[in-house]
Amino acid sequence: MDMSRTRERLVVIGGDAAGMSAASQARRLKGPGELEIVAFERGHFTSYSACGIPYWVGGDVTERDRLIARTPEEHRARGIDLRLRTEVTELDPDGQRVRARDLESGEESWTSYDHLVIATGARPIRPDMPGVDAAGVHGVQTLDDGQALLDTLEARRGRRAVVVGAGYIGVEMAEALIKRGYEVTVVNRGSEPMATLDPDMGRLVHDAMEGLGITMVNDAEVTKVLTGDDGAVRAVVTEDREFPADVVVLGIGVRPETALAKAAGLPLGPHGGLLTDRSMRVRGHENIWAGGDCVEVLDLVSGQERHIPLGTHANKHGQVIGTNVGGGYATFPGVVGTAVSKVCDLEIARTGLREKDAHRVGLRFEAVTIESTSRAGYYPNASPMTVKMLAEHRTGRLLGVQIVGREGAGKRVDIAAVALTAGMTVEQMTALDLGYAPPFSPVWDPVLVAARKATVKVHGSL
């Protein structure tokens, strides 16, 4: 620590959700006279919605800046020394300092800290294969990534796109490219898209994607990217086929960006993310905190650590960290794995465990699937939905819910998320006093219909 300083210094690595939420919350609790805050961000933007990038690419969001919650100037006006285009290259926990490089000038310097927040996020998985770094191949994780993809879409004349992977980003980017007039092929190594769902529910997503005009290629893995004379992508290759492409988007998923932390000897979990306690303090380090996509979190259903990169968690992590650095007390208890997405008007939601998750942690369970509607069946525009529910064998404890349907389906997963957090059984769920009127729900909400069916199956299995 620099003994010449008369006030504490908080250093933040990463200028998006977790990092700047932590900085902003700490600033609310401690003024500039008590706490100096320095934040390093290697990109051009801060405090933006990465989840909104597919909708920007697809044209639903017309301007990039609409995704920015708070500009660098706004952060600086609140007394945060925010340094853009500056990359931290080394952590020195023993010396309580970080080394950073200005990406424009190349100059490097050390900055000491009293508190350090690591919010380095996640990076798109880029398979180790020939041609993956060719022009026209894009991962999409940051606003800079989104801008680079849009620049390629504007510059290239062709209209053929290949999306590699069919998770949330892959599915959302496929729809975005369809909206931009591209012929889209999705190459997916799984049996169905959306591996966060069980395959029977993923099949419903598959059908919806094909209904949009997207070509789905399942059980296939890209082995190389072919380039033209100009060095840009012209096709992707699987074991037995070749798919022409003028642009390729990698939607395989992300990994925690923890190279700095690993080099500094900080503790990492089985998924490569930083391990923290409930206060988001890095385990074994009193003055180092971490949050967002670079950490692993406790799954309240399975009791195991998971890597779940979502902006909702990142913002909560930042609030907890900032409160603790600012002299208060806050904790982050864990997650149940809730997520929601869409393909055109098809809503896709899940929370808790899938069948393979339950098998992996040794839980015996009963699974039920029901078909229902978003409104009373006689009310205009009632749309179908499918609900799948998992309950623990004998105890009936709710383990997970997946929902696929049209308007009004996706956010129903929040009912299950609350029930999971509370540790409810499916029988207890059947008594939930949910809102009812024909424009909003059948008299028995679809989630409760599934809970009733699961209750019967659990009791029948005793």
Protein backbone atom coordinates (compact mmCIF):
# COMPACT_ATOMS: atom_id res chain seq x y z
CA MET A 1 0.00 0.00 0.00
CA ASP A 2 1.19 3.51 -0.84
CA MET A 3 1.72 5.09 2.62
CA SER A 4 1.81 8.59 1.14
CA ARG A 5 -1.91 8.42 0.41
CA THR A 6 -4.33 9.76 3.01
CA ARG A 7 -7.43 8.05 1.64
CA GLU A 8 -8.19 4.50 0.58
CA ARG A 9 -8.08 3.51 -3.08
CA LEU A 10 -10.42 1.08 -4.80
CA VAL A 11 -9.17 -0.31 -8.11
CA VAL A 12 -11.70 -1.92 -10.44
CA ILE A 13 -10.73 -4.12 -13.40
CA GLY A 14 -13.58 -4.16 -15.92
CA GLY A 15 -15.99 -1.37 -16.76
CA ASP A 16 -19.26 -3.18 -17.31
CA ALA A 17 -22.05 -4.45 -15.04
CA ALA A 18 -20.25 -5.89 -12.00
CA GLY A 19 -17.29 -3.54 -12.02
CA MET A 20 -19.12 -0.26 -12.42
CA SER A 21 -21.99 -1.32 -10.16
CA ALA A 22 -19.38 -1.96 -7.46
CA ALA A 23 -17.69 1.38 -8.12
CA SER A 24 -20.97 3.30 -8.14
CA GLN A 25 -22.27 1.69 -4.96
CA ALA A 26 -18.98 2.28 -3.13
CA ARG A 27 -19.11 5.91 -4.24
CA ARG A 28 -22.65 6.29 -2.87
CA LEU A 29 -21.42 5.15 0.53
CA LYS A 30 -18.06 6.94 0.57
CA GLY A 31 -17.31 10.31 -0.97
CA PRO A 32 -14.16 11.24 -2.94
CA GLY A 33 -12.54 12.55 0.23
CA GLU A 34 -12.72 9.09 1.81
CA LEU A 35 -12.29 6.76 -1.15
CA GLU A 36 -10.47 7.18 -4.44
CA ILE A 37 -11.83 4.95 -7.21
CA VAL A 38 -9.82 4.00 -10.30
CA ALA A 39 -11.44 1.78 -12.94
CA PHE A 40 -9.68 0.18 -15.92
CA GLU A 41 -11.60 -0.86 -19.06
CA ARG A 42 -9.83 -2.17 -22.15
CA GLY A 43 -12.76 -1.44 -24.48
CA HIS A 44 -14.43 1.76 -25.64
CA PHE A 45 -17.63 1.47 -23.58
CA THR A 46 -18.87 1.09 -20.00
CA SER A 47 -22.05 -0.01 -18.23
CA TYR A 48 -23.81 -1.46 -21.24
CA SER A 49 -26.24 -4.29 -21.87
CA ALA A 50 -24.37 -7.12 -23.55
CA CYS A 51 -27.67 -9.04 -23.55
CA GLY A 52 -29.06 -6.42 -25.92
CA ILE A 53 -26.41 -6.88 -28.62
CA PRO A 54 -28.38 -9.44 -30.71
CA TYR A 55 -31.34 -7.05 -30.76
CA TRP A 56 -29.09 -4.20 -31.88
CA VAL A 57 -27.59 -6.37 -34.63
CA GLY A 58 -31.09 -7.44 -35.70
CA GLY A 59 -32.38 -3.87 -35.81
CA ASP A 60 -34.88 -4.06 -32.94
CA VAL A 61 -32.64 -1.61 -31.08
CA THR A 62 -31.83 1.10 -33.59
CA GLU A 63 -28.91 2.82 -31.88
CA ARG A 64 -25.91 1.36 -30.10
CA ASP A 65 -25.97 4.04 -27.40
CA ARG A 66 -29.43 2.90 -26.29
CA LEU A 67 -27.67 -0.12 -24.77
CA ILE A 68 -25.45 2.09 -22.60
CA ALA A 69 -26.83 2.64 -19.10
CA ARG A 70 -24.17 5.11 -17.98
CA THR A 71 -21.48 6.77 -20.09
CA PRO A 72 -17.83 7.20 -19.09
CA GLU A 73 -18.45 10.92 -18.66
CA GLU A 74 -21.27 10.23 -16.21
CA HIS A 75 -19.04 7.94 -14.15
CA ARG A 76 -16.24 10.51 -14.11
CA ALA A 77 -18.66 13.24 -13.05
CA ARG A 78 -19.37 11.14 -9.94
CA GLY A 79 -15.71 11.04 -8.97
CA ILE A 80 -14.65 7.75 -10.57
CA ASP A 81 -11.31 7.87 -12.39
CA LEU A 82 -12.35 5.74 -15.37
CA ARG A 83 -9.57 4.87 -17.84
CA LEU A 84 -10.81 3.47 -21.16
CA ARG A 85 -8.65 1.53 -23.61
CA THR A 86 -6.45 0.50 -20.69
CA GLU A 87 -5.77 -3.18 -20.08
CA VAL A 88 -4.56 -4.61 -16.80
CA THR A 89 -1.75 -7.02 -17.61
CA GLU A 90 -0.60 -8.20 -14.17
CA LEU A 91 -1.88 -8.53 -10.61
CA ASP A 92 0.45 -8.36 -7.61
CA PRO A 93 -1.64 -9.38 -4.58
CA ASP A 94 1.33 -9.34 -2.21
CA GLY A 95 2.30 -5.81 -3.24
CA GLN A 96 -1.35 -4.70 -3.52
CA ARG A 97 -0.91 -3.25 -7.00
CA VAL A 98 -1.86 -3.85 -10.63
CA ARG A 99 0.05 -3.13 -13.82
CA ALA A 100 -1.90 -1.61 -16.70
CA ARG A 101 -1.07 -0.78 -20.32
CA ASP A 102 -2.55 2.10 -22.30
CA LEU A 103 -3.64 0.40 -25.53
CA GLU A 104 -3.24 3.61 -27.54
CA SER A 105 0.24 4.68 -26.39
CA GLY A 106 1.60 1.35 -25.15
CA GLU A 107 2.74 2.93 -21.90
CA GLU A 108 2.63 0.77 -18.77
CA SER A 109 2.41 1.74 -15.11
CA TRP A 110 1.64 0.26 -11.70
CA THR A 111 -1.30 1.39 -9.55
CA SER A 112 -1.57 0.47 -5.89
CA TYR A 113 -4.82 -0.40 -4.17
CA ASP A 114 -6.41 -0.93 -0.77
CA HIS A 115 -9.35 -2.80 -2.32
CA LEU A 116 -9.34 -4.58 -5.68
CA VAL A 117 -12.41 -5.61 -7.67
CA ILE A 118 -11.90 -8.16 -10.45
CA ALA A 119 -14.77 -7.91 -12.96
CA THR A 120 -13.05 -9.15 -16.10
CA GLY A 121 -16.15 -10.89 -17.47
CA ALA A 122 -16.07 -13.81 -19.88
CA ARG A 123 -14.69 -14.41 -23.35
CA PRO A 124 -16.38 -16.19 -26.28
CA ILE A 125 -15.10 -19.71 -26.82
CA ARG A 126 -13.04 -19.85 -30.01
CA PRO A 127 -12.36 -23.46 -31.04
CA ASP A 128 -8.78 -24.38 -31.76
CA MET A 129 -9.16 -25.06 -35.48
CA PRO A 130 -7.74 -23.77 -38.77
CA GLY A 131 -9.15 -20.44 -39.96
CA VAL A 132 -11.00 -19.48 -36.78
CA ASP A 133 -9.18 -16.12 -36.65
CA ALA A 134 -10.02 -15.22 -40.26
CA ALA A 135 -11.70 -11.95 -41.14
CA GLY A 136 -15.46 -12.34 -40.93
CA VAL A 137 -15.44 -14.76 -37.97
CA HIS A 138 -16.92 -13.07 -34.90
CA GLY A 139 -17.48 -13.79 -31.26
CA VAL A 140 -20.08 -11.50 -29.71
CA GLN A 141 -19.56 -10.61 -26.06
CA THR A 142 -18.93 -6.84 -25.87
CA LEU A 143 -20.19 -3.71 -27.61
CA ASP A 144 -16.88 -3.61 -29.45
CA ASP A 145 -17.58 -7.14 -30.70
CA GLY A 146 -21.07 -6.11 -31.80
CA GLN A 147 -19.73 -3.09 -33.66
CA ALA A 148 -17.10 -5.24 -35.40
CA LEU A 149 -19.81 -7.67 -36.55
CA LEU A 150 -22.00 -4.85 -37.87
CA ASP A 151 -19.00 -3.42 -39.73
CA THR A 152 -18.50 -6.80 -41.41
CA LEU A 153 -22.19 -7.07 -42.31
CA GLU A 154 -22.02 -3.63 -43.92
CA ALA A 155 -18.77 -4.26 -45.77
CA ARG A 156 -19.35 -7.74 -47.21
CA ARG A 157 -21.56 -8.27 -50.22
CA GLY A 158 -22.65 -11.85 -49.58
CA ARG A 159 -25.80 -12.82 -47.70
CA ARG A 160 -24.89 -16.22 -46.24
CA ALA A 161 -24.26 -16.58 -42.51
CA VAL A 162 -23.27 -19.57 -40.41
CA VAL A 163 -23.77 -19.54 -36.66
CA VAL A 164 -21.65 -22.08 -34.80
CA GLY A 165 -23.47 -23.23 -31.69
CA ALA A 166 -27.11 -23.06 -30.61
CA GLY A 167 -27.08 -21.73 -27.07
CA TYR A 168 -28.66 -18.43 -26.09
CA ILE A 169 -26.27 -16.28 -28.11
CA GLY A 170 -26.31 -18.62 -31.10
CA VAL A 171 -30.11 -18.75 -31.27
CA GLU A 172 -30.53 -15.00 -30.74
CA MET A 173 -27.85 -14.13 -33.31
CA ALA A 174 -29.42 -16.51 -35.85
CA GLU A 175 -32.70 -14.64 -35.55
CA ALA A 176 -30.90 -11.27 -35.77
CA LEU A 177 -29.19 -12.31 -39.01
CA ILE A 178 -32.47 -13.57 -40.48
CA LYS A 179 -33.94 -10.15 -39.78
CA ARG A 180 -31.05 -8.58 -41.68
CA GLY A 181 -31.88 -10.64 -44.74
CA TYR A 182 -29.23 -13.34 -44.44
CA GLU A 183 -29.58 -17.02 -45.26
CA VAL A 184 -28.71 -18.55 -41.92
CA THR A 185 -27.40 -22.00 -41.08
CA VAL A 186 -26.84 -23.01 -37.46
CA VAL A 187 -24.32 -25.81 -36.90
CA ASN A 188 -24.86 -27.38 -33.50
CA ARG A 189 -22.94 -30.28 -32.01
CA GLY A 190 -25.84 -31.18 -29.70
CA SER A 191 -28.89 -33.22 -30.59
CA GLU A 192 -31.15 -30.14 -30.31
CA PRO A 193 -30.64 -26.39 -29.88
CA MET A 194 -30.62 -24.76 -26.43
CA ALA A 195 -28.62 -27.25 -24.40
CA THR A 196 -29.85 -25.45 -21.28
CA LEU A 197 -33.09 -27.31 -21.93
CA ASP A 198 -33.71 -31.04 -22.02
CA PRO A 199 -33.70 -32.35 -25.63
CA ASP A 200 -37.46 -32.89 -25.72
CA MET A 201 -38.00 -29.20 -24.97
CA GLY A 202 -35.14 -28.18 -27.27
CA ARG A 203 -37.01 -29.87 -30.12
CA LEU A 204 -39.73 -27.24 -29.80
CA VAL A 205 -37.09 -24.54 -30.30
CA HIS A 206 -35.70 -26.44 -33.29
CA ASP A 207 -39.11 -26.45 -34.96
CA ALA A 208 -39.57 -22.72 -34.32
CA MET A 209 -36.14 -21.89 -35.79
CA GLU A 210 -36.88 -23.85 -38.94
CA GLY A 211 -40.21 -22.03 -39.12
CA LEU A 212 -38.22 -18.78 -39.32
CA GLY A 213 -36.28 -20.12 -42.29
CA ILE A 214 -33.15 -21.02 -40.33
CA THR A 215 -31.41 -24.24 -41.42
CA MET A 216 -30.62 -26.33 -38.34
CA VAL A 217 -27.76 -28.82 -38.55
CA ASN A 218 -27.58 -30.84 -35.31
CA ASP A 219 -25.07 -33.47 -34.19
CA ALA A 220 -22.35 -31.75 -36.22
CA GLU A 221 -19.13 -30.05 -35.23
CA VAL A 222 -17.21 -27.47 -37.25
CA THR A 223 -13.64 -28.64 -37.83
CA LYS A 224 -12.22 -25.78 -39.89
CA VAL A 225 -12.95 -22.42 -41.48
CA LEU A 226 -12.07 -22.01 -45.14
CA THR A 227 -10.86 -18.64 -46.44
CA GLY A 228 -10.77 -17.00 -49.84
CA ASP A 229 -7.92 -15.26 -51.63
CA ASP A 230 -8.65 -12.13 -49.59
CA GLY A 231 -8.10 -14.02 -46.32
CA ALA A 232 -11.75 -13.69 -45.31
CA VAL A 233 -14.06 -16.55 -44.44
CA ARG A 234 -15.81 -18.31 -47.34
CA ALA A 235 -17.11 -21.52 -45.70
CA VAL A 236 -17.12 -23.70 -42.61
CA VAL A 237 -16.46 -27.42 -42.73
CA THR A 238 -17.82 -30.26 -40.62
CA GLU A 239 -16.75 -33.89 -40.78
CA ASP A 240 -18.84 -34.58 -43.87
CA ARG A 241 -20.16 -31.25 -45.22
CA GLU A 242 -19.17 -27.76 -46.25
CA PHE A 243 -21.37 -24.70 -45.64
CA PRO A 244 -20.69 -21.51 -47.63
CA ALA A 245 -20.43 -18.44 -45.43
CA ASP A 246 -19.82 -14.74 -45.90
CA VAL A 247 -19.88 -14.22 -42.15
CA VAL A 248 -19.54 -16.61 -39.21
CA VAL A 249 -20.76 -15.97 -35.68
CA LEU A 250 -19.45 -18.09 -32.83
CA GLY A 251 -22.24 -18.91 -30.40
CA ILE A 252 -20.58 -21.82 -28.65
CA GLY A 253 -20.62 -20.15 -25.26
CA VAL A 254 -18.19 -18.29 -23.05
CA ARG A 255 -15.52 -19.03 -20.47
CA PRO A 256 -14.58 -16.94 -17.44
CA GLU A 257 -11.86 -14.41 -18.27
CA THR A 258 -9.55 -15.34 -15.42
CA ALA A 259 -6.06 -15.55 -16.96
CA LEU A 260 -4.88 -12.64 -14.79
CA ALA A 261 -6.31 -14.19 -11.66
CA LYS A 262 -4.79 -17.58 -12.43
CA ALA A 263 -1.36 -16.08 -13.05
CA ALA A 264 -1.63 -14.32 -9.68
CA GLY A 265 -2.46 -17.57 -7.90
CA LEU A 266 -6.04 -16.70 -7.01
CA PRO A 267 -8.43 -19.63 -6.40
CA LEU A 268 -10.41 -20.92 -9.38
CA GLY A 269 -13.27 -23.41 -9.45
CA PRO A 270 -13.94 -26.43 -11.67
CA HIS A 271 -15.33 -24.22 -14.45
CA GLY A 272 -12.37 -21.81 -14.41
CA GLY A 273 -14.17 -19.03 -12.55
CA LEU A 274 -12.95 -17.23 -9.44
CA LEU A 275 -14.16 -18.59 -6.13
CA THR A 276 -15.59 -16.14 -3.61
CA ASP A 277 -17.39 -16.22 -0.29
CA ARG A 278 -20.94 -14.94 0.14
CA SER A 279 -19.69 -11.36 0.43
CA MET A 280 -18.05 -11.76 -3.02
CA ARG A 281 -14.59 -11.58 -1.46
CA VAL A 282 -12.08 -13.84 -3.24
CA ARG A 283 -11.41 -16.78 -0.96
CA GLY A 284 -8.26 -16.34 1.07
CA HIS A 285 -7.81 -12.66 0.16
CA GLU A 286 -9.21 -10.06 2.54
CA ASN A 287 -9.09 -7.08 0.17
CA ILE A 288 -9.76 -8.66 -3.26
CA TRP A 289 -13.31 -8.97 -4.54
CA ALA A 290 -14.74 -10.49 -7.73
CA GLY A 291 -18.08 -10.50 -9.50
CA GLY A 292 -19.87 -10.97 -12.80
CA ASP A 293 -19.08 -13.45 -15.53
CA CYS A 294 -15.59 -14.21 -14.18
CA VAL A 295 -16.84 -15.91 -11.00
CA GLU A 296 -18.54 -19.16 -10.07
CA VAL A 297 -21.65 -19.06 -7.93
CA LEU A 298 -23.46 -21.47 -5.65
CA ASP A 299 -26.38 -23.33 -7.20
CA LEU A 300 -29.00 -23.39 -4.44
CA VAL A 301 -30.72 -26.45 -5.91
CA SER A 302 -27.74 -28.75 -6.45
CA GLY A 303 -25.46 -27.29 -3.79
CA GLN A 304 -22.56 -27.11 -6.28
CA GLU A 305 -20.59 -24.28 -7.83
CA ARG A 306 -21.65 -23.23 -11.36
CA HIS A 307 -20.61 -20.69 -13.96
CA ILE A 308 -23.71 -18.77 -15.06
CA PRO A 309 -22.81 -15.63 -17.04
CA LEU A 310 -25.83 -13.34 -16.75
CA GLY A 311 -26.14 -9.58 -16.35
CA THR A 312 -28.68 -9.98 -13.55
CA HIS A 313 -26.12 -11.74 -11.37
CA ALA A 314 -23.34 -9.33 -12.34
CA ASN A 315 -25.28 -6.28 -11.23
CA LYS A 316 -26.18 -7.94 -7.92
CA HIS A 317 -22.55 -8.94 -7.37
CA GLY A 318 -21.47 -5.35 -7.96
CA GLN A 319 -24.03 -4.02 -5.47
CA VAL A 320 -22.83 -6.49 -2.83
CA ILE A 321 -19.16 -5.69 -3.42
CA GLY A 322 -19.70 -1.93 -3.43
CA THR A 323 -21.69 -2.12 -0.21
CA ASN A 324 -18.95 -4.10 1.53
CA VAL A 325 -16.12 -1.90 0.24
CA GLY A 326 -18.14 1.16 1.27
CA GLY A 327 -18.33 0.01 4.88
CA GLY A 328 -21.71 -1.75 4.84
CA TYR A 329 -22.56 -5.43 4.83
CA ALA A 330 -24.18 -7.47 2.07
CA THR A 331 -24.10 -11.04 0.76
CA PHE A 332 -24.97 -12.91 -2.41
CA PRO A 333 -26.52 -16.25 -1.37
CA GLY A 334 -26.52 -18.00 -4.76
CA VAL A 335 -28.73 -18.69 -7.76
CA VAL A 336 -31.26 -21.20 -9.05
CA GLY A 337 -30.25 -20.87 -12.71
CA THR A 338 -33.12 -18.86 -14.17
CA ALA A 339 -32.91 -17.70 -17.78
CA VAL A 340 -35.32 -16.60 -20.50
CA SER A 341 -34.93 -15.99 -24.22
CA LYS A 342 -36.95 -15.93 -27.43
CA VAL A 343 -36.94 -16.96 -31.07
CA CYS A 344 -39.31 -14.68 -32.96
CA ASP A 345 -42.48 -14.98 -30.86
CA LEU A 346 -41.47 -18.25 -29.21
CA GLU A 347 -40.52 -17.70 -25.56
CA ILE A 348 -38.01 -20.06 -23.92
CA ALA A 349 -37.43 -20.20 -20.17
CA ARG A 350 -35.82 -22.43 -17.62
CA THR A 351 -34.85 -22.52 -13.95
CA GLY A 352 -33.30 -25.12 -11.67
CA LEU A 353 -31.98 -28.46 -12.89
CA ARG A 354 -32.36 -30.32 -16.16
CA GLU A 355 -32.62 -34.10 -16.15
CA LYS A 356 -28.88 -34.53 -16.77
CA ASP A 357 -28.07 -32.04 -14.00
CA ALA A 358 -30.14 -34.04 -11.52
CA HIS A 359 -28.49 -37.29 -12.65
CA ARG A 360 -25.03 -35.73 -12.33
CA VAL A 361 -25.53 -34.72 -8.69
CA GLY A 362 -27.15 -38.05 -7.80
CA LEU A 363 -30.74 -36.89 -7.34
CA ARG A 364 -33.63 -39.25 -8.07
CA PHE A 365 -36.56 -37.41 -9.61
CA GLU A 366 -39.91 -37.56 -11.34
CA ALA A 367 -40.47 -35.58 -14.57
CA VAL A 368 -43.80 -34.44 -16.00
CA THR A 369 -44.73 -32.44 -19.09
CA ILE A 370 -48.05 -30.69 -19.66
CA GLU A 371 -49.65 -28.71 -22.46
CA SER A 372 -51.70 -25.65 -21.58
CA THR A 373 -52.48 -22.12 -22.79
CA SER A 374 -51.39 -18.63 -21.82
CA ARG A 375 -54.98 -17.46 -21.21
CA ALA A 376 -58.35 -19.05 -20.67
CA GLY A 377 -58.93 -21.28 -23.69
CA TYR A 378 -62.03 -19.38 -24.74
CA TYR A 379 -60.34 -15.96 -24.55
CA PRO A 380 -59.06 -14.48 -27.84
CA ASN A 381 -55.40 -15.11 -28.74
CA ALA A 382 -54.83 -17.79 -26.13
CA SER A 383 -51.55 -19.43 -27.18
CA PRO A 384 -50.18 -22.89 -26.38
CA MET A 385 -47.31 -23.54 -24.02
CA THR A 386 -45.43 -26.59 -22.83
CA VAL A 387 -44.26 -26.86 -19.22
CA LYS A 388 -41.84 -29.51 -18.00
CA MET A 389 -41.27 -29.95 -14.27
CA LEU A 390 -38.83 -32.04 -12.25
CA ALA A 391 -39.53 -33.01 -8.63
CA GLU A 392 -37.35 -34.97 -6.23
CA HIS A 393 -38.36 -38.59 -5.77
CA ARG A 394 -40.26 -39.20 -2.51
CA THR A 395 -39.81 -35.68 -1.05
CA GLY A 396 -41.48 -33.86 -3.95
CA ARG A 397 -39.03 -30.95 -3.66
CA LEU A 398 -39.14 -28.87 -6.83
CA LEU A 399 -35.94 -29.34 -8.82
CA GLY A 400 -36.51 -27.52 -12.10
CA VAL A 401 -38.93 -26.11 -14.64
CA GLN A 402 -38.69 -25.50 -18.39
CA ILE A 403 -41.26 -23.57 -20.38
CA VAL A 404 -41.60 -23.11 -24.13
CA GLY A 405 -44.54 -21.20 -25.58
CA ARG A 406 -45.83 -18.01 -27.14
CA GLU A 407 -46.70 -14.68 -25.61
CA GLY A 408 -47.07 -14.87 -21.85
CA ALA A 409 -45.10 -18.10 -21.43
CA GLY A 410 -41.54 -17.04 -20.60
CA LYS A 411 -41.96 -14.94 -17.48
CA ARG A 412 -44.06 -17.63 -15.83
CA VAL A 413 -40.74 -19.24 -14.99
CA ASP A 414 -40.40 -16.64 -12.24
CA ILE A 415 -43.07 -18.48 -10.25
CA ALA A 416 -40.84 -21.55 -10.28
CA ALA A 417 -37.71 -19.51 -9.51
CA VAL A 418 -39.32 -18.21 -6.31
CA ALA A 419 -40.51 -21.70 -5.39
CA LEU A 420 -37.02 -23.11 -5.93
CA THR A 421 -35.42 -20.38 -3.83
CA ALA A 422 -37.89 -21.08 -1.04
CA GLY A 423 -37.27 -24.85 -1.25
CA MET A 424 -40.94 -25.61 -1.88
CA THR A 425 -42.36 -28.98 -2.81
CA VAL A 426 -44.59 -29.39 -5.84
CA GLU A 427 -47.49 -30.11 -3.51
CA GLN A 428 -46.94 -26.80 -1.73
CA MET A 429 -46.84 -25.07 -5.10
CA THR A 430 -50.34 -26.24 -5.97
CA ALA A 431 -51.69 -23.99 -3.20
CA LEU A 432 -49.95 -20.83 -4.45
CA ASP A 433 -52.40 -17.93 -4.68
CA LEU A 434 -51.59 -16.68 -8.19
CA GLY A 435 -53.42 -13.94 -10.02
CA TYR A 436 -56.21 -15.10 -12.30
CA ALA A 437 -58.42 -13.50 -14.93
CA PRO A 438 -59.23 -14.95 -18.38
CA PRO A 439 -57.00 -12.47 -20.28
CA PHE A 440 -53.99 -13.53 -18.20
CA SER A 441 -54.30 -17.20 -17.37
CA PRO A 442 -56.52 -20.29 -17.29
CA VAL A 443 -58.15 -20.77 -13.91
CA TRP A 444 -55.31 -23.20 -13.17
CA ASP A 445 -52.06 -21.54 -14.24
CA PRO A 446 -49.93 -23.84 -16.45
CA VAL A 447 -47.16 -23.95 -13.83
CA LEU A 448 -49.67 -25.11 -11.22
CA VAL A 449 -51.10 -27.72 -13.62
CA ALA A 450 -47.57 -29.12 -13.93
CA ALA A 451 -47.16 -29.01 -10.13
CA ARG A 452 -50.43 -30.95 -9.67
CA LYS A 453 -49.32 -33.59 -12.15
CA ALA A 454 -45.89 -33.84 -10.51
CA THR A 455 -47.53 -34.19 -7.08
CA VAL A 456 -49.60 -37.12 -8.29
CA LYS A 457 -46.52 -38.77 -9.79
CA VAL A 458 -44.42 -38.26 -6.64
CA HIS A 459 -47.14 -39.72 -4.41
CA GLY A 460 -47.57 -42.62 -6.79
CA SER A 461 -43.84 -43.37 -6.58
CA LEU A 462 -43.70 -43.60 -2.76
